[in-house]
Amino acid sequence: MMREIIWAPWRSGFIKGKPEPGCVFCRLQRETDKRKILVIETGKHNFIVMNKFPYTSGHLLVIPKRHLGTLEKLTTPEANEHFKLVRLAASALKRALKTDGINTGMNLGRTAGAGVLHHIHTHLVPRWQGDSNFMPVIGETRMMSLDLEPMYDALCAEFLRLKKKK
């Protein structure tokens, strides 16, 4: 079988990068340049960030600010805000990226597929009709059709619009 190679330079930092000590999500909170780290929205207890190494274009993460390894440790205010931000992120993805659907979920524990084991987070993965084409099935390749920075700008604008609307 011939395998097509699609250049995805943003993945090289993840693949070749030397893991930094500590929690990636806790480090994000210490960065002041939100655009640099792709933080779109910050609440009192949680924040939303674009996945820098996405499964598909527009992949967002809603992350509690507090370093928690289990869902059960979320307080009621943290959990309420977390789901409020998941809803806000879903609305923004639908409007800004014209998604046909969105997969949401949490991978709790290594066996469940968690890449970051000790800091829970919710994934929002945009989907478009026909996006699961032959590439991932036959070609073992994922396609990223949108650049991170313009997508970040579009999502930030949509989050601002949605917040003003309320």
C-alpha atoms as a PDB file:
ATOM      1  CA  MET A   1       0.000   0.000   0.000  1.00  0.00           C
ATOM      2  CA  MET A   2       1.314   3.444  -0.917  1.00  0.00           C
ATOM      3  CA  ARG A   3       1.034   5.907   1.949  1.00  0.00           C
ATOM      4  CA  GLU A   4       0.670   9.605   1.144  1.00  0.00           C
ATOM      5  CA  ILE A   5       2.558  12.051   3.320  1.00  0.00           C
ATOM      6  CA  ILE A   6       0.954  15.364   4.189  1.00  0.00           C
ATOM      7  CA  TRP A   7       3.199  18.000   5.719  1.00  0.00           C
ATOM      8  CA  ALA A   8       1.959  19.079   9.177  1.00  0.00           C
ATOM      9  CA  PRO A   9       4.798  21.181  10.622  1.00  0.00           C
ATOM     10  CA  TRP A  10       2.977  22.152  13.816  1.00  0.00           C
ATOM     11  CA  ARG A  11       3.138  18.501  14.979  1.00  0.00           C
ATOM     12  CA  SER A  12       6.960  18.477  14.991  1.00  0.00           C
ATOM     13  CA  GLY A  13       7.100  20.413  18.265  1.00  0.00           C
ATOM     14  CA  PHE A  14       5.011  17.738  19.909  1.00  0.00           C
ATOM     15  CA  ILE A  15       6.851  14.808  18.351  1.00  0.00           C
ATOM     16  CA  LYS A  16      10.417  16.108  18.691  1.00  0.00           C
ATOM     17  CA  GLY A  17       9.888  18.361  21.669  1.00  0.00           C
ATOM     18  CA  LYS A  18      11.526  17.606  24.952  1.00  0.00           C
ATOM     19  CA  PRO A  19       8.829  17.239  27.617  1.00  0.00           C
ATOM     20  CA  GLU A  20       8.924  20.073  30.111  1.00  0.00           C
ATOM     21  CA  PRO A  21       8.685  19.187  33.787  1.00  0.00           C
ATOM     22  CA  GLY A  22       5.345  19.575  35.527  1.00  0.00           C
ATOM     23  CA  CYS A  23       1.819  19.862  34.219  1.00  0.00           C
ATOM     24  CA  VAL A  24       1.328  21.383  30.754  1.00  0.00           C
ATOM     25  CA  PHE A  25      -2.047  22.853  31.759  1.00  0.00           C
ATOM     26  CA  CYS A  26      -0.665  24.458  34.910  1.00  0.00           C
ATOM     27  CA  ARG A  27       2.188  25.965  32.855  1.00  0.00           C
ATOM     28  CA  LEU A  28      -0.330  27.469  30.422  1.00  0.00           C
ATOM     29  CA  GLN A  29      -1.933  29.423  33.258  1.00  0.00           C
ATOM     30  CA  ARG A  30       1.365  31.107  34.117  1.00  0.00           C
ATOM     31  CA  GLU A  31       1.886  32.435  30.555  1.00  0.00           C
ATOM     32  CA  THR A  32       0.783  36.060  30.099  1.00  0.00           C
ATOM     33  CA  ASP A  33       0.650  36.053  26.277  1.00  0.00           C
ATOM     34  CA  LYS A  34      -2.689  34.272  25.790  1.00  0.00           C
ATOM     35  CA  ARG A  35      -2.454  34.385  21.976  1.00  0.00           C
ATOM     36  CA  LYS A  36       0.933  32.651  22.038  1.00  0.00           C
ATOM     37  CA  ILE A  37      -0.535  29.692  23.928  1.00  0.00           C
ATOM     38  CA  LEU A  38      -3.941  29.892  22.187  1.00  0.00           C
ATOM     39  CA  VAL A  39      -6.058  30.554  25.293  1.00  0.00           C
ATOM     40  CA  ILE A  40      -9.414  31.787  24.002  1.00  0.00           C
ATOM     41  CA  GLU A  41     -11.459  32.283  27.165  1.00  0.00           C
ATOM     42  CA  THR A  42     -10.757  32.395  30.877  1.00  0.00           C
ATOM     43  CA  GLY A  43     -13.351  31.954  33.596  1.00  0.00           C
ATOM     44  CA  LYS A  44     -13.016  32.039  37.364  1.00  0.00           C
ATOM     45  CA  HIS A  45     -12.408  28.269  37.643  1.00  0.00           C
ATOM     46  CA  ASN A  46     -11.684  27.052  34.081  1.00  0.00           C
ATOM     47  CA  PHE A  47     -10.220  28.170  30.783  1.00  0.00           C
ATOM     48  CA  ILE A  48     -10.537  27.272  27.097  1.00  0.00           C
ATOM     49  CA  VAL A  49      -7.516  26.679  24.899  1.00  0.00           C
ATOM     50  CA  MET A  50      -7.029  25.538  21.328  1.00  0.00           C
ATOM     51  CA  ASN A  51      -5.215  22.229  21.134  1.00  0.00           C
ATOM     52  CA  LYS A  52      -1.838  23.089  19.634  1.00  0.00           C
ATOM     53  CA  PHE A  53      -1.490  19.502  18.369  1.00  0.00           C
ATOM     54  CA  PRO A  54      -5.098  18.852  17.315  1.00  0.00           C
ATOM     55  CA  TYR A  55      -6.892  15.735  16.185  1.00  0.00           C
ATOM     56  CA  THR A  56      -8.705  17.997  13.720  1.00  0.00           C
ATOM     57  CA  SER A  57      -8.881  21.728  12.970  1.00  0.00           C
ATOM     58  CA  GLY A  58     -10.476  23.718  15.786  1.00  0.00           C
ATOM     59  CA  HIS A  59      -9.945  21.103  18.537  1.00  0.00           C
ATOM     60  CA  LEU A  60     -10.581  22.902  21.842  1.00  0.00           C
ATOM     61  CA  LEU A  61      -9.955  21.939  25.462  1.00  0.00           C
ATOM     62  CA  VAL A  62     -11.882  23.170  28.515  1.00  0.00           C
ATOM     63  CA  ILE A  63      -9.555  22.862  31.504  1.00  0.00           C
ATOM     64  CA  PRO A  64     -10.083  23.461  35.228  1.00  0.00           C
ATOM     65  CA  LYS A  65      -7.551  25.895  36.641  1.00  0.00           C
ATOM     66  CA  ARG A  66      -7.122  23.729  39.713  1.00  0.00           C
ATOM     67  CA  HIS A  67      -4.832  20.738  39.183  1.00  0.00           C
ATOM     68  CA  LEU A  68      -7.232  17.777  39.488  1.00  0.00           C
ATOM     69  CA  GLY A  69      -6.713  14.173  38.474  1.00  0.00           C
ATOM     70  CA  THR A  70     -10.313  13.026  38.904  1.00  0.00           C
ATOM     71  CA  LEU A  71     -13.670  14.379  37.873  1.00  0.00           C
ATOM     72  CA  GLU A  72     -15.115  13.725  41.333  1.00  0.00           C
ATOM     73  CA  LYS A  73     -12.845  16.355  42.883  1.00  0.00           C
ATOM     74  CA  LEU A  74     -14.434  19.244  40.957  1.00  0.00           C
ATOM     75  CA  THR A  75     -16.436  21.511  43.230  1.00  0.00           C
ATOM     76  CA  THR A  76     -19.984  22.378  42.165  1.00  0.00           C
ATOM     77  CA  PRO A  77     -18.972  25.906  41.042  1.00  0.00           C
ATOM     78  CA  GLU A  78     -16.010  24.475  39.073  1.00  0.00           C
ATOM     79  CA  ALA A  79     -18.212  21.821  37.445  1.00  0.00           C
ATOM     80  CA  ASN A  80     -20.995  24.302  36.608  1.00  0.00           C
ATOM     81  CA  GLU A  81     -18.576  26.738  34.997  1.00  0.00           C
ATOM     82  CA  HIS A  82     -16.793  23.892  33.206  1.00  0.00           C
ATOM     83  CA  PHE A  83     -19.978  22.773  31.469  1.00  0.00           C
ATOM     84  CA  LYS A  84     -20.997  26.395  30.814  1.00  0.00           C
ATOM     85  CA  LEU A  85     -17.689  26.857  28.951  1.00  0.00           C
ATOM     86  CA  VAL A  86     -18.179  23.566  27.063  1.00  0.00           C
ATOM     87  CA  ARG A  87     -21.537  24.937  25.870  1.00  0.00           C
ATOM     88  CA  LEU A  88     -19.996  28.302  24.938  1.00  0.00           C
ATOM     89  CA  ALA A  89     -17.167  26.578  23.054  1.00  0.00           C
ATOM     90  CA  ALA A  90     -19.641  24.391  21.138  1.00  0.00           C
ATOM     91  CA  SER A  91     -21.627  27.471  20.074  1.00  0.00           C
ATOM     92  CA  ALA A  92     -18.482  29.296  18.980  1.00  0.00           C
ATOM     93  CA  LEU A  93     -17.213  26.306  16.975  1.00  0.00           C
ATOM     94  CA  LYS A  94     -20.538  25.922  15.175  1.00  0.00           C
ATOM     95  CA  ARG A  95     -20.685  29.586  14.198  1.00  0.00           C
ATOM     96  CA  ALA A  96     -17.015  30.380  13.553  1.00  0.00           C
ATOM     97  CA  LEU A  97     -16.034  27.143  11.788  1.00  0.00           C
ATOM     98  CA  LYS A  98     -19.422  26.086  10.371  1.00  0.00           C
ATOM     99  CA  THR A  99     -19.136  22.620  11.918  1.00  0.00           C
ATOM    100  CA  ASP A 100     -21.744  19.967  11.171  1.00  0.00           C
ATOM    101  CA  GLY A 101     -21.171  18.308  14.552  1.00  0.00           C
ATOM    102  CA  ILE A 102     -18.863  18.206  17.554  1.00  0.00           C
ATOM    103  CA  ASN A 103     -17.440  15.283  19.511  1.00  0.00           C
ATOM    104  CA  THR A 104     -17.034  16.115  23.204  1.00  0.00           C
ATOM    105  CA  GLY A 105     -15.477  13.971  25.873  1.00  0.00           C
ATOM    106  CA  MET A 106     -13.031  13.349  28.665  1.00  0.00           C
ATOM    107  CA  ASN A 107     -10.396  10.622  28.774  1.00  0.00           C
ATOM    108  CA  LEU A 108     -10.177   9.815  32.481  1.00  0.00           C
ATOM    109  CA  GLY A 109      -7.113   7.688  33.178  1.00  0.00           C
ATOM    110  CA  ARG A 110      -4.409   6.091  31.029  1.00  0.00           C
ATOM    111  CA  THR A 111      -6.619   3.142  30.068  1.00  0.00           C
ATOM    112  CA  ALA A 112      -9.251   5.564  28.762  1.00  0.00           C
ATOM    113  CA  GLY A 113      -6.657   7.278  26.552  1.00  0.00           C
ATOM    114  CA  ALA A 114      -5.690  10.269  28.696  1.00  0.00           C
ATOM    115  CA  GLY A 115      -2.581  12.008  27.381  1.00  0.00           C
ATOM    116  CA  VAL A 116      -2.428  14.296  30.416  1.00  0.00           C
ATOM    117  CA  LEU A 117      -3.102  11.998  33.340  1.00  0.00           C
ATOM    118  CA  HIS A 118      -3.301  14.236  36.369  1.00  0.00           C
ATOM    119  CA  HIS A 119      -5.210  17.285  35.102  1.00  0.00           C
ATOM    120  CA  ILE A 120      -8.703  16.563  33.794  1.00  0.00           C
ATOM    121  CA  HIS A 121     -10.036  18.384  30.738  1.00  0.00           C
ATOM    122  CA  THR A 122     -12.841  18.155  28.190  1.00  0.00           C
ATOM    123  CA  HIS A 123     -12.157  17.861  24.453  1.00  0.00           C
ATOM    124  CA  LEU A 124     -14.355  19.490  21.817  1.00  0.00           C
ATOM    125  CA  VAL A 125     -13.488  18.125  18.377  1.00  0.00           C
ATOM    126  CA  PRO A 126     -15.292  19.785  15.438  1.00  0.00           C
ATOM    127  CA  ARG A 127     -16.630  17.488  12.727  1.00  0.00           C
ATOM    128  CA  TRP A 128     -17.791  18.167   9.187  1.00  0.00           C
ATOM    129  CA  GLN A 129     -19.910  15.966   6.963  1.00  0.00           C
ATOM    130  CA  GLY A 130     -17.506  13.725   5.055  1.00  0.00           C
ATOM    131  CA  ASP A 131     -14.446  14.622   7.159  1.00  0.00           C
ATOM    132  CA  SER A 132     -13.855  10.993   8.004  1.00  0.00           C
ATOM    133  CA  ASN A 133     -12.914  10.154   4.463  1.00  0.00           C
ATOM    134  CA  PHE A 134     -10.419   7.673   3.078  1.00  0.00           C
ATOM    135  CA  MET A 135      -7.392   9.502   4.531  1.00  0.00           C
ATOM    136  CA  PRO A 136      -7.590   8.235   8.145  1.00  0.00           C
ATOM    137  CA  VAL A 137      -9.107   4.905   7.166  1.00  0.00           C
ATOM    138  CA  ILE A 138      -6.986   3.855   4.171  1.00  0.00           C
ATOM    139  CA  GLY A 139      -4.144   6.356   4.155  1.00  0.00           C
ATOM    140  CA  GLU A 140      -3.543   6.401   7.920  1.00  0.00           C
ATOM    141  CA  THR A 141      -3.301  10.181   7.592  1.00  0.00           C
ATOM    142  CA  ARG A 142      -5.237  13.072   9.135  1.00  0.00           C
ATOM    143  CA  MET A 143      -5.899  16.262   7.230  1.00  0.00           C
ATOM    144  CA  MET A 144      -5.728  19.697   8.857  1.00  0.00           C
ATOM    145  CA  SER A 145      -7.432  22.176   6.589  1.00  0.00           C
ATOM    146  CA  LEU A 146      -7.193  25.356   8.689  1.00  0.00           C
ATOM    147  CA  ASP A 147      -4.172  27.193  10.134  1.00  0.00           C
ATOM    148  CA  LEU A 148      -4.116  27.743  13.914  1.00  0.00           C
ATOM    149  CA  GLU A 149      -3.690  31.542  14.013  1.00  0.00           C
ATOM    150  CA  PRO A 150      -6.590  32.555  11.693  1.00  0.00           C
ATOM    151  CA  MET A 151      -8.776  29.971  13.421  1.00  0.00           C
ATOM    152  CA  TYR A 152      -7.790  31.427  16.814  1.00  0.00           C
ATOM    153  CA  ASP A 153      -8.803  34.916  15.618  1.00  0.00           C
ATOM    154  CA  ALA A 154     -12.155  33.663  14.293  1.00  0.00           C
ATOM    155  CA  LEU A 155     -12.920  31.783  17.505  1.00  0.00           C
ATOM    156  CA  CYS A 156     -11.926  34.710  19.753  1.00  0.00           C
ATOM    157  CA  ALA A 157     -14.207  37.016  17.760  1.00  0.00           C
ATOM    158  CA  GLU A 158     -17.074  34.542  18.060  1.00  0.00           C
ATOM    159  CA  PHE A 159     -16.574  34.081  21.823  1.00  0.00           C
ATOM    160  CA  LEU A 160     -16.660  37.871  22.236  1.00  0.00           C
ATOM    161  CA  ARG A 161     -19.844  38.104  20.149  1.00  0.00           C
ATOM    162  CA  LEU A 162     -21.526  35.313  22.130  1.00  0.00           C
ATOM    163  CA  LYS A 163     -20.622  36.878  25.470  1.00  0.00           C
ATOM    164  CA  LYS A 164     -21.954  40.295  24.427  1.00  0.00           C
ATOM    165  CA  LYS A 165     -25.198  38.681  23.278  1.00  0.00           C
ATOM    166  CA  LYS A 166     -25.998  37.421  26.806  1.00  0.00           C
END
